[in-house]
Amino acid sequence: MNIALVAHDNKKELMTQFCTAYCGILAQHTLCATSTTGQLISEATGLNVHRFLSFSHGGGQQIGARIAYNEIDMVLCFDDPNTKTINEDISYIFRLCDQNNIPYASNLATAEMLVLGLARGDLDWRSIVNPKPRPFTA
């Protein structure tokens, strides 16, 4: 499965720790992330992470486009609810996930449930409903 990883600046360390804890599961899938998040995860875990642009320079839009074209199977997006401004790209990604029936986690608890479900095969229906001829590529 193709998994997108996004983290607000205040949540990058949490995302890195999460990916370290679930490295064994995530290693079996194709990962993509925005620039800095992907770099931090890759350096901490050794996971191969395709890196898009930074979120503020179009990376959120790149991930959104992949979601719209049904090339992403799950989104783990650790946003900071304490920020005063609402990021339009985060809202856009969330709406796209809803429209395309793509599992979306906005916090650690939900992300853990999705990743553990992924390991159990609970999300295998995505491959049946939305077959992909090839894994995610740039």
Protein backbone atom coordinates (compact mmCIF):
# COMPACT_ATOMS: atom_id res chain seq x y z
CA MET A 1 0.00 0.00 0.00
CA ASN A 2 1.02 3.60 -0.57
CA ILE A 3 1.10 5.60 2.65
CA ALA A 4 1.50 9.39 2.85
CA LEU A 5 3.12 10.85 5.97
CA VAL A 6 2.61 14.52 6.86
CA ALA A 7 3.54 16.30 10.09
CA HIS A 8 3.28 19.87 11.29
CA ASP A 9 6.58 21.33 12.53
CA ASN A 10 5.50 20.76 16.15
CA LYS A 11 4.63 17.11 15.38
CA LYS A 12 7.62 15.98 13.32
CA GLU A 13 9.34 14.39 16.31
CA LEU A 14 6.14 12.50 17.18
CA MET A 15 5.82 11.27 13.58
CA THR A 16 9.45 10.15 13.62
CA GLN A 17 8.93 8.27 16.89
CA PHE A 18 5.74 6.69 15.52
CA CYS A 19 7.53 5.50 12.38
CA THR A 20 10.39 4.16 14.47
CA ALA A 21 7.95 2.18 16.63
CA TYR A 22 6.14 0.74 13.60
CA CYS A 23 9.12 0.48 11.28
CA GLY A 24 8.59 -3.25 10.75
CA ILE A 25 5.06 -2.73 9.46
CA LEU A 26 5.79 0.42 7.47
CA ALA A 27 8.80 -1.19 5.76
CA GLN A 28 6.40 -3.52 3.93
CA HIS A 29 4.72 -0.58 2.20
CA THR A 30 5.57 2.33 -0.06
CA LEU A 31 5.99 5.56 1.87
CA CYS A 32 5.92 9.17 0.76
CA ALA A 33 6.14 12.36 2.77
CA THR A 34 6.74 16.04 2.56
CA SER A 35 10.42 17.02 2.40
CA THR A 36 11.59 17.54 5.97
CA THR A 37 9.26 14.95 7.46
CA GLY A 38 10.47 12.36 4.96
CA GLN A 39 14.10 13.17 5.64
CA LEU A 40 13.69 12.91 9.43
CA ILE A 41 11.84 9.58 9.14
CA SER A 42 14.34 8.14 6.69
CA GLU A 43 17.34 9.15 8.81
CA ALA A 44 15.81 7.82 12.04
CA THR A 45 14.47 4.54 10.69
CA GLY A 46 16.34 3.69 7.50
CA LEU A 47 12.98 3.45 5.72
CA ASN A 48 12.85 4.36 2.05
CA VAL A 49 10.62 7.45 1.87
CA HIS A 50 9.82 9.24 -1.37
CA ARG A 51 10.06 12.94 -0.58
CA PHE A 52 7.84 15.59 -2.11
CA LEU A 53 8.38 19.33 -1.79
CA SER A 54 8.07 20.92 1.63
CA PHE A 55 4.45 21.31 2.69
CA SER A 56 4.50 25.09 2.41
CA HIS A 57 6.05 24.97 -1.08
CA GLY A 58 3.59 22.60 -2.73
CA GLY A 59 4.19 19.24 -1.05
CA GLY A 60 0.66 19.21 0.35
CA GLN A 61 -0.70 19.84 -3.13
CA GLN A 62 1.48 17.05 -4.55
CA ILE A 63 0.09 14.61 -2.00
CA GLY A 64 -3.43 15.91 -2.64
CA ALA A 65 -3.02 15.23 -6.35
CA ARG A 66 -1.88 11.66 -5.64
CA ILE A 67 -4.95 11.18 -3.43
CA ALA A 68 -7.24 12.57 -6.14
CA TYR A 69 -5.77 10.09 -8.63
CA ASN A 70 -6.24 7.25 -6.12
CA GLU A 71 -2.51 6.61 -5.80
CA ILE A 72 -2.48 6.87 -1.99
CA ASP A 73 -4.09 4.21 0.22
CA MET A 74 -3.64 5.80 3.66
CA VAL A 75 -2.73 9.21 5.06
CA LEU A 76 -1.13 9.75 8.46
CA CYS A 77 -1.23 13.48 9.08
CA PHE A 78 -0.11 14.75 12.47
CA ASP A 79 -1.32 18.35 12.48
CA ASP A 80 -0.99 20.67 15.46
CA PRO A 81 -4.51 21.53 16.69
CA ASN A 82 -3.05 24.33 18.82
CA THR A 83 -1.99 26.44 15.84
CA LYS A 84 -4.12 29.51 15.37
CA THR A 85 -4.43 29.28 11.60
CA ILE A 86 -6.12 26.48 9.75
CA ASN A 87 -3.97 25.12 6.95
CA GLU A 88 -6.05 24.95 3.77
CA ASP A 89 -3.92 22.18 2.28
CA ILE A 90 -4.54 19.97 5.34
CA SER A 91 -8.28 20.59 5.02
CA TYR A 92 -8.04 19.82 1.31
CA ILE A 93 -6.22 16.52 1.95
CA PHE A 94 -8.78 15.56 4.59
CA ARG A 95 -11.68 16.27 2.19
CA LEU A 96 -10.01 14.33 -0.61
CA CYS A 97 -9.57 11.34 1.69
CA ASP A 98 -13.26 11.49 2.59
CA GLN A 99 -14.28 11.78 -1.05
CA ASN A 100 -12.08 8.87 -2.12
CA ASN A 101 -12.67 6.60 0.87
CA ILE A 102 -9.04 6.71 1.97
CA PRO A 103 -8.22 6.04 5.65
CA TYR A 104 -6.93 9.20 7.32
CA ALA A 105 -5.40 9.58 10.77
CA SER A 106 -4.99 13.02 12.27
CA ASN A 107 -3.53 11.91 15.61
CA LEU A 108 -1.34 9.26 17.20
CA ALA A 109 -4.18 7.07 18.51
CA THR A 110 -5.92 6.82 15.14
CA ALA A 111 -2.63 6.29 13.30
CA GLU A 112 -1.79 3.39 15.59
CA MET A 113 -5.17 1.77 14.94
CA LEU A 114 -4.74 2.13 11.18
CA VAL A 115 -1.20 0.76 11.13
CA LEU A 116 -2.10 -2.20 13.35
CA GLY A 117 -5.14 -2.83 11.13
CA LEU A 118 -2.86 -2.65 8.10
CA ALA A 119 -0.64 -5.33 9.62
CA ARG A 120 -3.68 -7.56 10.26
CA GLY A 121 -4.91 -7.15 6.69
CA ASP A 122 -7.94 -5.04 7.63
CA LEU A 123 -7.19 -2.66 4.77
CA ASP A 124 -6.67 -5.28 2.06
CA TRP A 125 -10.04 -4.23 0.63
CA ARG A 126 -8.26 -1.18 -0.85
CA SER A 127 -6.29 -3.46 -3.17
CA ILE A 128 -9.47 -5.23 -4.26
CA VAL A 129 -11.61 -2.13 -4.77
CA ASN A 130 -8.78 -0.03 -6.22
CA PRO A 131 -6.25 -2.33 -7.92
CA LYS A 132 -2.99 -0.67 -8.85
CA PRO A 133 -0.89 -2.02 -11.68
CA ARG A 134 2.35 -0.70 -10.14
CA PRO A 135 3.57 0.73 -6.82
CA PHE A 136 3.73 4.47 -6.20
CA THR A 137 6.37 6.31 -8.18
CA ALA A 138 7.47 9.89 -8.45
